[in-house]
Each structure stands twice: as C-alpha cells, then as structure tokens.
Amino acid sequence: MTAWFRPSSLLLMALAMSGCDDAPRFTAAEPGESRSGGATTVNKSDRNAFSLPSANLSPVRRLDFSVGNSFFRNPWVIAPSTTTARDGLGPLFNTNACQNCHIKDGRGHPPEPGADNAVSMLVRLSIPDDPAFVEDIKRLGLTPEPVYGKQLQDMAIPGVTPEGKVRVDYDSMTVHFRDGTPVHLRRPTLQITQPGYGPMHPQTRASARIAPPMIGLGLLEAIPQAAILANANPNDEKGTGITGKPNWVWDDEQQKSVLGRFGWKASQPGIKQQNAHALAGDMGLTSTLMPVDDCTPSQTACLAAPNGNGPNGEPEVSDNILRLITFYTRNLGVPVRRDVAEPQVLAGKSLFFKAGCQQCHTPQFTTSADAAEPELANQVIRPYTDLLLHDMGEGLADNLSEFQASGQQWRTPPLWGIGLTQTVSGHTQFLHDGRARNLMEAVLWHGGEALPAQRQVLAFDAEQRAALLAFLNSL
C-alpha cells in the first residue's frame, strides 16, 4: 500500500514564499525508491551495512565474495615470508590492508589536527606538466614529483626510509544563513613534514584524499557510457550554468583512453584497475597491471629491497587474487534507504530539487544488460551522481589536475549510503579531504557551478534545513 504524505503547512508556506513553485513537490515515495541498488539492495542499516554482498548474489557466488573479502581485510606482510600468498608489502606503503583505509568498507577520515597518522587519507603529488614525463602524463594523467612520485607513502619496511609525514591544520571561517544562524567551517592546511629524500620540487602540488565508501561500485561501473555522456554539458550548451564534463583516462589493459568513473577526479576507468593502482600505491604490491614497485630512481634502498615476487617473476598479487578482490569490491551491496515516505524526508527531497542539487547528483540510472556480473545487470539504481566533473570553485580547489580534470574540478560523489556514515565509519567527515564535519558543512563548501545551490540553502530557514538533512540522512 502506498502512503501519501504532505509536508507541514508551515513548511509548505515557506516553500511557496521562497519561489519553489517551479521545483517538483514530492508528496509520496516513488515506487522502489527505498531500494537504491535495485535487486542488489541489502536490508541492513547497522555497522556492517556497507560490508554485505549484493542481495541477489547466489550462495555459490558468495564463496568468492568471502574469499575476496579476506584479501581485502587481512594484512599483507613483508617479504620474504612463509605466507607467500600475502607477502610483498612495501618497500614504501601507507597501510598494510585495504580495510585500514576503507574502514568497514566505509569512508576514511583525515588525521586529527596536529597529528601525523594519516591512515585512511592519501596525498596525491604532482608538478606542472613536464615533457620529459610524457609517458607518465599519458598513463597517470599527471607529472609525478621527480623524487617522491605521484603519492606520498608515510610508512616503509625496515631499512627503507618513509617518504614523510602528513599533518593537517585548520583555520576557521564563519558563514551565516539568511536568518542569522552561524556555521563555522574549517579550511585545511596540508603540511608534509620529515621528508625522507630531501626537498620536493618547488612547484609541487599536493592533494589530500580520504578513502571513499566501497558500496555500489559494480553498479556504477555498469551504468551505460551513453547514459553518463547524455548528462555532459561541457560548454554549457544548455545554459544552466552546470558544465558536467567527462574525464577521459588511460585504461592499462585496453591501452587507450576511456571514460573515467572512479576516484575523486574520475581518474580510473574501472574497478579492477582502481584496485591494482591502490594495491601498488597504498601497499606497494605489484600485479600484472602494476608490475613495478612504486620506487623512484632516487630511492635506491627502495629499489634494492626484497620483494614478494614468485620464482619466475610472478607479481606479488596474483591474477586470481586480484580477480577475487575485484569480485568482492564489485559486489558490495547498497543498503536500503530509511524513512523514504516520512513527511519531513519528502519535504527535504523537494528542497533538494528546489536548490538544483539534482543537476549534478543525478538521482537515477538503469544499469546495462551486459554488466560485468549478471546480478548487476538491468537494475534501476539511485546513486545520486552523474559521474562527471564539475568546477566546485576556489574554496575546494586542490590545483592538481588529473587527465582532463582541472585543479578546481571534482567528480560528483554518489550520495547513496551517506546517512549511515556515522553508524558505519564512526564519524561524519565529508568532502575529498574530510574538512566538512557534517553534511551541512559539506553543502556550504559547494562553490563554482554549485554556488547557486549553496545560496539557495543559505536562504533556508531552520525547518527547511532540518528537512533537507532528513532527506540526505535517509539516503
């Protein structure tokens, strides 16, 4: 039975007075709206809500999921070791297990102010494009820092010096809603201390990135390319001020440029390659896609350190292990939404559309019939992302470009599961560097193309703000 609801009369009056007549008003949940992942949706909203297999995965297929989970969760060790299936950690690394960054398969966080334990946050490095690194630019989308590479590793095996430590400090700034209510935002300052291999290039650009949630990746991979490109508007031909732009990135297996979907700047084309690059950059583990350790020519001890390769030069992560990890990460289910028919949630959804948030956070797609896994095919999903790049303004800029993403552009992150961040990950720190301490702070950091939406939200009164947050927390 469908229950029909209307927002409170006071809220409807506020909506009408603020010019909401052109935006849709939602008075009931849409059919199937609570099942954000279609038939893959899992019926859990507890601490393990992000760690469960797609609901339509058969018992036999769940065996591969469980084995992949073990390689994702358990630590890798230094080579040589009797544990040959899990050795080869380092020489340089950020952590020894995927789960350490993607806590409970959820969202990472920055270090505490003044601390230098940056587990679950990495720092991307680059310098202005240098013709001497033309192959790196083609494959990586950037020119790595000559001594430290494309990612700072703050840990190392014995006998090798870590590249440095990461510290984040914050300045405070205050914005006010139209009704005078203040919000104190924090602006991060990233510092790299204790550099292990001398000073960095004077024009080094550093970008802090927290680990994103792992849910629904296979569904995002299964969205037809044509459906994503249909929302692209790189030259604002539609006159909306929203210039969604695809990122065309290098595919290691196909040896050509393809559409990017994953990462904060959509710099990875698929889940397998995303995993291979993360295993290499975060843990120093080689694979057939990333066959060489992440040591630069200046890091001689790193180059000379033992590795976990097989007797015939086989990489540390076998093709089968990479397959299992990819199967696991491709099939993590999206949790069911909560309270979709509640009046306050429906009012908040109307306000979400009134502000224009749906222009980038596209609510719905249907996955392709030829998805990588049959369980992911032909699913109506509600990820609230367009997987495109958008200029988010100077406030969020990291000034680091990747492929065709500029220093002010970021991929629209999916919103599904965002309301369970505290439950799963134990915190509510959002945006690419975790600067926002709650969802409202995240909204208020939106600039650039999203500035009109931010200004709409700043005009909301307390009841409207509570409704918007109720909607976001239902996702």
Protein backbone atom coordinates (compact mmCIF):
# COMPACT_ATOMS: atom_id res chain seq x y z
CA MET A 1 0.00 0.00 0.00
CA THR A 2 1.32 3.47 -0.88
CA ALA A 3 1.02 6.06 1.86
CA TRP A 4 0.58 9.65 0.71
CA PHE A 5 2.02 12.46 2.79
CA ARG A 6 2.32 16.22 2.60
CA PRO A 7 4.84 18.43 4.42
CA SER A 8 3.62 20.54 7.32
CA SER A 9 1.58 23.61 6.44
CA LEU A 10 4.30 25.91 7.78
CA LEU A 11 6.93 24.28 5.59
CA LEU A 12 4.67 24.40 2.51
CA MET A 13 4.12 28.11 3.16
CA ALA A 14 7.87 28.64 3.42
CA LEU A 15 8.44 26.76 0.19
CA ALA A 16 5.87 28.84 -1.63
CA MET A 17 7.28 32.11 -0.29
CA SER A 18 10.80 31.15 -1.39
CA GLY A 19 9.81 30.61 -5.00
CA CYS A 20 9.62 26.83 -5.03
CA ASP A 21 6.68 26.65 -7.43
CA ASP A 22 8.91 25.62 -10.36
CA ALA A 23 10.50 22.73 -8.45
CA PRO A 24 8.78 19.36 -8.05
CA ARG A 25 7.00 18.71 -4.77
CA PHE A 26 7.19 15.19 -3.51
CA THR A 27 4.20 14.01 -1.51
CA ALA A 28 4.89 10.27 -1.68
CA ALA A 29 7.81 7.93 -2.11
CA GLU A 30 8.45 6.78 -5.66
CA PRO A 31 7.91 3.08 -6.41
CA GLY A 32 11.05 1.18 -5.42
CA GLU A 33 12.72 4.33 -4.09
CA SER A 34 13.94 2.70 -0.89
CA ARG A 35 15.93 0.10 -2.85
CA SER A 36 18.74 2.32 -4.08
CA GLY A 37 20.63 -0.62 -5.58
CA GLY A 38 17.63 -2.30 -7.19
CA ALA A 39 17.59 -6.05 -6.55
CA THR A 40 21.13 -5.85 -5.14
CA THR A 41 19.99 -3.70 -2.18
CA VAL A 42 20.79 -5.12 1.26
CA ASN A 43 18.32 -4.84 4.12
CA LYS A 44 20.74 -3.68 6.79
CA SER A 45 21.39 -0.31 8.34
CA ASP A 46 23.76 -1.28 11.16
CA ARG A 47 27.56 -1.04 11.47
CA ASN A 48 28.00 -3.80 8.87
CA ALA A 49 25.66 -2.21 6.33
CA PHE A 50 28.47 -1.48 3.83
CA SER A 51 30.14 -4.90 4.08
CA LEU A 52 27.45 -7.22 2.74
CA PRO A 53 27.21 -8.90 -0.67
CA SER A 54 24.59 -7.85 -3.18
CA ALA A 55 21.28 -9.30 -2.02
CA ASN A 56 20.78 -11.22 -5.27
CA LEU A 57 24.19 -12.91 -5.16
CA SER A 58 23.74 -16.70 -5.00
CA PRO A 59 25.22 -18.79 -2.14
CA VAL A 60 27.82 -20.27 -4.51
CA ARG A 61 28.88 -16.82 -5.71
CA ARG A 62 29.10 -15.64 -2.12
CA LEU A 63 32.03 -18.01 -1.61
CA ASP A 64 34.16 -15.95 -4.00
CA PHE A 65 32.88 -12.81 -2.27
CA SER A 66 34.06 -14.15 1.11
CA VAL A 67 37.50 -15.10 -0.22
CA GLY A 68 37.88 -11.69 -1.83
CA ASN A 69 36.85 -10.12 1.47
CA SER A 70 39.66 -11.99 3.25
CA PHE A 71 42.28 -10.50 0.92
CA PHE A 72 40.69 -7.06 1.29
CA ARG A 73 40.50 -7.25 5.07
CA ASN A 74 43.58 -9.14 6.27
CA PRO A 75 47.06 -7.58 6.44
CA TRP A 76 49.85 -8.20 3.95
CA VAL A 77 53.35 -8.90 5.31
CA ILE A 78 56.92 -8.05 4.40
CA ALA A 79 58.78 -10.40 2.05
CA PRO A 80 60.32 -12.89 2.26
CA SER A 81 57.75 -14.77 4.31
CA THR A 82 56.28 -18.24 4.62
CA THR A 83 52.93 -16.55 3.89
CA THR A 84 53.69 -16.37 0.20
CA ALA A 85 50.14 -15.52 -0.86
CA ARG A 86 50.22 -12.32 1.22
CA ASP A 87 53.84 -11.18 1.23
CA GLY A 88 55.50 -8.32 -0.60
CA LEU A 89 54.28 -5.34 1.44
CA GLY A 90 56.20 -2.19 0.55
CA PRO A 91 59.03 -1.24 0.41
CA LEU A 92 57.07 2.04 0.65
CA PHE A 93 53.44 1.99 1.69
CA ASN A 94 50.62 3.78 3.51
CA THR A 95 48.94 0.80 5.15
CA ASN A 96 49.09 -2.99 5.21
CA ALA A 97 45.42 -3.79 4.48
CA CYS A 98 42.71 -2.29 2.29
CA GLN A 99 40.29 -2.32 5.22
CA ASN A 100 42.51 0.05 7.21
CA CYS A 101 41.63 2.87 4.81
CA HIS A 102 38.09 1.81 3.89
CA ILE A 103 37.01 1.28 7.49
CA LYS A 104 34.15 -1.25 7.50
CA ASP A 105 34.10 -0.63 3.72
CA GLY A 106 33.12 2.93 4.51
CA ARG A 107 34.57 6.40 4.42
CA GLY A 108 38.07 7.36 5.56
CA HIS A 109 38.97 10.45 7.56
CA PRO A 110 41.84 12.93 7.86
CA PRO A 111 44.27 12.83 10.79
CA GLU A 112 43.32 14.75 13.90
CA PRO A 113 44.53 18.37 13.85
CA GLY A 114 48.25 18.41 14.60
CA ALA A 115 48.63 14.62 14.35
CA ASP A 116 50.59 12.85 11.62
CA ASN A 117 48.82 9.49 11.44
CA ALA A 118 47.21 9.81 8.02
CA VAL A 119 45.80 6.27 7.74
CA SER A 120 42.68 6.35 5.51
CA MET A 121 43.87 9.53 3.78
CA LEU A 122 46.45 9.67 1.00
CA VAL A 123 48.27 12.60 -0.55
CA ARG A 124 48.49 12.83 -4.34
CA LEU A 125 51.60 14.63 -5.66
CA SER A 126 52.40 16.23 -8.99
CA ILE A 127 54.32 19.07 -10.61
CA PRO A 128 53.39 21.17 -13.65
CA ASP A 129 53.42 19.02 -16.77
CA ASP A 130 56.95 18.29 -17.93
CA PRO A 131 57.58 16.99 -21.50
CA ALA A 132 60.23 14.67 -20.06
CA PHE A 133 57.43 12.71 -18.42
CA VAL A 134 55.21 12.39 -21.47
CA GLU A 135 54.56 8.68 -20.88
CA ASP A 136 53.64 9.30 -17.23
CA ILE A 137 51.25 12.06 -18.28
CA LYS A 138 49.65 9.71 -20.77
CA ARG A 139 49.27 6.83 -18.27
CA LEU A 140 48.78 8.69 -14.98
CA GLY A 141 47.20 11.92 -16.10
CA LEU A 142 49.84 13.99 -14.30
CA THR A 143 53.57 14.56 -13.96
CA PRO A 144 54.77 12.88 -10.73
CA GLU A 145 57.04 14.70 -8.31
CA PRO A 146 60.52 13.59 -9.51
CA VAL A 147 61.78 12.21 -6.18
CA TYR A 148 58.59 11.24 -4.35
CA GLY A 149 56.38 10.06 -7.22
CA LYS A 150 52.63 10.51 -7.57
CA GLN A 151 51.70 9.55 -4.00
CA LEU A 152 53.36 10.18 -0.65
CA GLN A 153 53.99 6.99 1.33
CA ASP A 154 54.45 7.67 5.03
CA MET A 155 55.50 4.14 6.03
CA ALA A 156 58.26 1.77 4.91
CA ILE A 157 59.74 -1.64 5.64
CA PRO A 158 62.92 -1.86 7.82
CA GLY A 159 65.95 -0.49 6.02
CA VAL A 160 63.92 1.90 3.85
CA THR A 161 63.11 5.49 4.80
CA PRO A 162 59.48 6.61 4.69
CA GLU A 163 58.83 9.48 2.34
CA GLY A 164 57.46 11.78 5.02
CA LYS A 165 54.64 12.51 7.40
CA VAL A 166 51.34 14.25 6.73
CA ARG A 167 49.82 16.84 9.00
CA VAL A 168 46.60 18.81 8.60
CA ASP A 169 45.83 22.01 10.48
CA TYR A 170 42.71 24.14 10.17
CA ASP A 171 41.68 27.77 10.04
CA SER A 172 38.13 28.74 10.89
CA MET A 173 35.72 30.75 8.79
CA THR A 174 32.10 31.60 9.51
CA VAL A 175 29.14 31.82 7.15
CA HIS A 176 25.60 32.81 8.09
CA PHE A 177 22.20 31.61 6.98
CA ARG A 178 19.74 34.31 5.99
CA ASP A 179 18.10 34.04 9.41
CA GLY A 180 21.45 34.89 11.06
CA THR A 181 22.37 31.38 12.22
CA PRO A 182 26.17 30.99 12.01
CA VAL A 183 28.06 27.95 10.74
CA HIS A 184 31.76 27.63 11.49
CA LEU A 185 33.62 25.99 8.63
CA ARG A 186 37.20 24.76 8.80
CA ARG A 187 39.69 25.30 5.99
CA PRO A 188 42.52 22.75 5.96
CA THR A 189 46.22 23.45 5.52
CA LEU A 190 48.19 20.38 4.43
CA GLN A 191 51.80 20.03 5.54
CA ILE A 192 54.33 17.35 4.60
CA THR A 193 56.91 17.03 7.34
CA GLN A 194 60.05 14.92 7.84
CA PRO A 195 60.76 14.49 4.10
CA GLY A 196 62.88 11.37 3.78
CA TYR A 197 64.54 12.09 0.45
CA GLY A 198 65.30 15.80 0.51
CA PRO A 199 63.26 18.80 -0.55
CA MET A 200 60.42 18.46 -3.01
CA HIS A 201 60.20 20.22 -6.35
CA PRO A 202 59.42 23.90 -5.65
CA GLN A 203 56.20 23.70 -7.67
CA THR A 204 54.90 20.50 -6.07
CA ARG A 205 51.14 20.29 -5.79
CA ALA A 206 49.75 18.14 -3.00
CA SER A 207 46.14 16.99 -2.71
CA ALA A 208 44.70 15.20 0.33
CA ARG A 209 42.15 12.48 -0.47
CA ILE A 210 40.22 10.43 2.08
CA ALA A 211 39.19 6.89 1.18
CA PRO A 212 35.64 6.82 -0.29
CA PRO A 213 32.93 4.27 0.62
CA MET A 214 33.03 0.98 -1.28
CA ILE A 215 29.31 0.32 -1.75
CA GLY A 216 27.69 0.03 -5.17
CA LEU A 217 30.89 0.24 -7.21
CA GLY A 218 29.82 -2.53 -9.56
CA LEU A 219 26.54 -0.75 -10.23
CA LEU A 220 28.35 2.49 -11.07
CA GLU A 221 30.63 0.54 -13.39
CA ALA A 222 27.53 -0.92 -15.08
CA ILE A 223 25.91 2.43 -15.96
CA PRO A 224 25.96 2.66 -19.77
CA GLN A 225 28.52 5.14 -21.05
CA ALA A 226 25.87 6.76 -23.24
CA ALA A 227 23.72 7.46 -20.19
CA ILE A 228 26.61 9.25 -18.47
CA LEU A 229 27.56 11.25 -21.55
CA ALA A 230 23.91 12.27 -22.06
CA ASN A 231 24.24 14.44 -18.94
CA ALA A 232 27.52 16.02 -20.05
CA ASN A 233 27.33 19.73 -20.82
CA PRO A 234 31.00 20.78 -21.05
CA ASN A 235 30.37 24.10 -22.80
CA ASP A 236 27.08 24.85 -21.03
CA GLU A 237 25.14 24.40 -24.25
CA LYS A 238 22.01 24.00 -22.13
CA GLY A 239 22.53 27.39 -20.48
CA THR A 240 22.12 26.00 -16.97
CA GLY A 241 25.50 27.03 -15.58
CA ILE A 242 26.17 23.34 -14.89
CA THR A 243 29.01 22.13 -17.12
CA GLY A 244 29.35 18.44 -16.40
CA LYS A 245 32.43 17.11 -18.16
CA PRO A 246 33.63 13.53 -18.68
CA ASN A 247 37.19 12.64 -17.78
CA TRP A 248 38.91 10.53 -20.45
CA VAL A 249 41.61 8.43 -18.77
CA TRP A 250 44.11 5.71 -19.61
CA ASP A 251 43.00 2.07 -19.49
CA ASP A 252 46.01 -0.14 -18.75
CA GLU A 253 44.51 -3.29 -20.27
CA GLN A 254 43.00 -1.75 -23.38
CA GLN A 255 45.95 0.62 -23.87
CA LYS A 256 43.71 3.51 -24.83
CA SER A 257 41.75 6.38 -23.32
CA VAL A 258 38.29 5.55 -21.99
CA LEU A 259 35.67 7.18 -19.78
CA GLY A 260 36.76 7.66 -16.15
CA ARG A 261 34.30 6.76 -13.41
CA PHE A 262 36.17 6.19 -10.13
CA GLY A 263 38.29 8.30 -7.80
CA TRP A 264 37.74 11.84 -6.60
CA LYS A 265 38.53 13.18 -10.08
CA ALA A 266 37.15 10.22 -12.07
CA SER A 267 40.72 9.26 -12.95
CA GLN A 268 40.18 5.48 -13.02
CA PRO A 269 38.11 3.67 -15.68
CA GLY A 270 37.07 0.53 -13.82
CA ILE A 271 37.17 -1.37 -10.56
CA LYS A 272 39.94 -3.80 -11.48
CA GLN A 273 42.34 -1.03 -12.43
CA GLN A 274 41.33 1.07 -9.43
CA ASN A 275 42.18 -1.89 -7.20
CA ALA A 276 45.51 -2.58 -8.93
CA HIS A 277 46.60 1.05 -8.60
CA ALA A 278 45.50 1.17 -4.94
CA LEU A 279 47.37 -2.04 -4.13
CA ALA A 280 50.50 -0.56 -5.71
CA GLY A 281 50.28 2.96 -4.33
CA ASP A 282 48.87 2.23 -0.86
CA MET A 283 50.66 -1.04 -0.07
CA GLY A 284 53.49 -1.38 -2.56
CA LEU A 285 52.03 -4.57 -4.06
CA THR A 286 52.72 -5.44 -7.68
CA SER A 287 50.26 -7.06 -10.12
CA THR A 288 50.13 -7.71 -13.85
CA LEU A 289 48.57 -4.25 -14.27
CA MET A 290 51.16 -2.59 -12.00
CA PRO A 291 54.25 -4.80 -12.29
CA VAL A 292 56.87 -2.46 -10.75
CA ASP A 293 57.18 -1.22 -7.17
CA ASP A 294 56.46 2.46 -6.60
CA CYS A 295 60.11 3.47 -6.11
CA THR A 296 61.61 6.46 -7.92
CA PRO A 297 65.20 6.39 -9.23
CA SER A 298 66.35 8.48 -6.24
CA GLN A 299 65.09 5.88 -3.74
CA THR A 300 67.93 3.37 -4.03
CA ALA A 301 67.13 1.46 -0.83
CA CYS A 302 63.56 1.02 -2.03
CA LEU A 303 64.77 -0.30 -5.38
CA ALA A 304 67.16 -2.76 -3.71
CA ALA A 305 64.72 -4.09 -1.08
CA PRO A 306 63.41 -7.68 -1.29
CA ASN A 307 60.03 -8.28 -2.87
CA GLY A 308 57.38 -10.96 -2.83
CA ASN A 309 57.52 -11.88 -6.48
CA GLY A 310 57.27 -15.55 -7.43
CA PRO A 311 60.23 -17.68 -8.55
CA ASN A 312 59.55 -16.84 -12.19
CA GLY A 313 58.93 -13.17 -11.60
CA GLU A 314 55.20 -13.52 -10.92
CA PRO A 315 53.80 -10.36 -9.28
CA GLU A 316 53.03 -10.18 -5.58
CA VAL A 317 49.27 -10.07 -6.20
CA SER A 318 48.40 -12.97 -8.47
CA ASP A 319 45.79 -12.59 -11.19
CA ASN A 320 43.48 -14.83 -9.19
CA ILE A 321 43.82 -12.75 -6.01
CA LEU A 322 43.20 -9.57 -7.99
CA ARG A 323 40.14 -11.25 -9.53
CA LEU A 324 38.80 -12.14 -6.09
CA ILE A 325 39.40 -8.66 -4.67
CA THR A 326 37.70 -7.18 -7.72
CA PHE A 327 34.74 -9.54 -7.35
CA TYR A 328 34.39 -8.50 -3.71
CA THR A 329 34.59 -4.78 -4.36
CA ARG A 330 32.28 -5.06 -7.37
CA ASN A 331 29.55 -6.78 -5.37
CA LEU A 332 29.33 -4.83 -2.12
CA GLY A 333 25.64 -4.07 -1.80
CA VAL A 334 23.99 -0.71 -1.22
CA PRO A 335 21.94 -0.53 2.00
CA VAL A 336 18.21 0.05 1.91
CA ARG A 337 17.03 3.61 2.43
CA ARG A 338 15.15 4.56 5.57
CA ASP A 339 12.05 6.70 6.15
CA VAL A 340 11.52 7.42 2.44
CA ALA A 341 7.83 8.20 2.94
CA GLU A 342 8.19 10.38 6.04
CA PRO A 343 6.76 13.89 5.54
CA GLN A 344 9.98 15.63 6.59
CA VAL A 345 12.09 13.47 4.25
CA LEU A 346 9.74 14.19 1.33
CA ALA A 347 9.85 17.90 2.12
CA GLY A 348 13.65 17.71 2.18
CA LYS A 349 13.65 15.96 -1.19
CA SER A 350 11.57 18.82 -2.61
CA LEU A 351 14.09 21.30 -1.23
CA PHE A 352 16.98 19.26 -2.69
CA PHE A 353 15.38 19.72 -6.12
CA LYS A 354 14.49 23.36 -5.42
CA ALA A 355 18.14 24.12 -4.78
CA GLY A 356 19.08 22.33 -8.01
CA CYS A 357 21.26 19.70 -6.37
CA GLN A 358 19.88 17.01 -8.68
CA GLN A 359 21.54 18.71 -11.68
CA CYS A 360 24.82 17.08 -10.62
CA HIS A 361 23.63 14.48 -8.13
CA THR A 362 21.57 12.67 -10.77
CA PRO A 363 19.06 10.53 -8.87
CA GLN A 364 18.51 7.53 -11.13
CA PHE A 365 20.05 5.31 -13.81
CA THR A 366 19.39 1.85 -15.22
CA THR A 367 22.42 -0.41 -15.49
CA SER A 368 23.32 -2.10 -18.76
CA ALA A 369 22.29 -5.61 -19.78
CA ASP A 370 25.93 -6.62 -20.26
CA ALA A 371 27.21 -5.67 -16.79
CA ALA A 372 30.40 -7.36 -15.59
CA GLU A 373 28.33 -9.56 -13.25
CA PRO A 374 24.80 -10.78 -14.10
CA GLU A 375 23.45 -9.68 -10.70
CA LEU A 376 24.29 -6.07 -11.59
CA ALA A 377 22.53 -6.04 -14.95
CA ASN A 378 19.26 -4.20 -15.74
CA GLN A 379 18.96 -2.66 -12.30
CA VAL A 380 17.15 0.62 -11.62
CA ILE A 381 19.53 2.34 -9.23
CA ARG A 382 19.51 5.65 -7.35
CA PRO A 383 23.12 6.67 -6.71
CA TYR A 384 22.65 10.47 -6.83
CA THR A 385 25.70 11.11 -9.02
CA ASP A 386 26.35 11.86 -12.67
CA LEU A 387 29.98 10.58 -12.51
CA LEU A 388 31.02 13.79 -14.30
CA LEU A 389 33.49 16.52 -13.40
CA HIS A 390 32.27 19.88 -12.12
CA ASP A 391 34.06 23.09 -11.20
CA MET A 392 33.50 23.43 -7.46
CA GLY A 393 35.17 26.81 -7.08
CA GLU A 394 38.35 28.06 -5.46
CA GLY A 395 37.31 27.07 -1.96
CA LEU A 396 37.57 23.34 -2.74
CA ALA A 397 40.35 23.61 -5.33
CA ASP A 398 43.47 21.49 -4.88
CA ASN A 399 45.15 22.96 -8.01
CA LEU A 400 46.15 19.43 -9.08
CA SER A 401 44.95 18.29 -12.48
CA GLU A 402 44.43 14.65 -13.49
CA PHE A 403 43.90 13.83 -17.15
CA GLN A 404 41.23 16.37 -18.18
CA ALA A 405 40.16 17.27 -14.63
CA SER A 406 41.38 20.71 -13.63
CA GLY A 407 42.52 21.77 -10.19
CA GLN A 408 39.01 23.04 -9.42
CA GLN A 409 37.06 20.10 -10.81
CA TRP A 410 35.80 17.08 -8.89
CA ARG A 411 33.66 14.12 -9.82
CA THR A 412 30.18 14.26 -8.30
CA PRO A 413 30.34 11.71 -5.46
CA PRO A 414 27.44 9.26 -5.04
CA LEU A 415 25.18 10.08 -2.10
CA TRP A 416 23.71 6.62 -1.50
CA GLY A 417 24.53 5.40 2.00
CA ILE A 418 25.72 8.83 3.14
CA GLY A 419 23.27 8.91 6.04
CA LEU A 420 24.91 5.80 7.53
CA THR A 421 28.41 7.29 7.69
CA GLN A 422 28.35 7.75 11.47
CA THR A 423 26.93 4.27 12.01
CA VAL A 424 29.45 2.51 9.77
CA SER A 425 32.61 4.62 9.97
CA GLY A 426 32.18 6.26 13.36
CA HIS A 427 32.44 9.85 12.11
CA THR A 428 30.77 12.39 9.81
CA GLN A 429 33.69 13.92 7.91
CA PHE A 430 32.90 14.64 4.26
CA LEU A 431 34.32 16.02 1.01
CA HIS A 432 37.54 14.90 -0.65
CA ASP A 433 39.75 15.88 2.29
CA GLY A 434 37.30 15.37 5.14
CA ARG A 435 37.17 19.07 6.03
CA ALA A 436 33.38 19.08 6.50
CA ARG A 437 32.38 17.76 9.92
CA ASN A 438 28.76 17.20 8.97
CA LEU A 439 26.52 17.24 5.92
CA MET A 440 25.52 20.88 6.22
CA GLU A 441 29.16 21.97 6.26
CA ALA A 442 29.70 19.87 3.14
CA VAL A 443 26.81 21.61 1.39
CA LEU A 444 28.09 25.06 2.35
CA TRP A 445 31.55 24.36 0.91
CA HIS A 446 29.95 23.99 -2.54
CA GLY A 447 31.09 26.78 -4.88
CA GLY A 448 31.71 27.25 -8.58
CA GLU A 449 28.91 25.62 -10.54
CA ALA A 450 27.17 24.72 -7.27
CA LEU A 451 27.22 28.27 -5.89
CA PRO A 452 23.55 28.95 -6.81
CA ALA A 453 22.54 25.80 -4.93
CA GLN A 454 24.62 26.83 -1.93
CA ARG A 455 22.94 30.25 -1.91
CA GLN A 456 19.52 28.61 -2.03
CA VAL A 457 20.41 26.54 1.03
CA LEU A 458 21.72 29.61 2.86
CA ALA A 459 18.25 31.11 2.39
CA PHE A 460 16.50 28.15 4.01
CA ASP A 461 15.09 28.61 7.49
CA ALA A 462 15.67 26.18 10.35
CA GLU A 463 12.73 23.94 9.47
CA GLN A 464 13.77 23.73 5.85
CA ARG A 465 17.37 22.95 6.81
CA ALA A 466 16.21 20.16 9.09
CA ALA A 467 14.09 18.72 6.27
CA LEU A 468 17.00 18.82 3.80
CA LEU A 469 19.22 17.00 6.29
CA ALA A 470 16.47 14.46 6.98
CA PHE A 471 16.37 13.67 3.26
CA LEU A 472 20.17 13.36 2.96
CA ASN A 473 20.32 11.18 6.04
CA SER A 474 17.68 8.89 4.54
CA LEU A 475 19.92 8.08 1.58
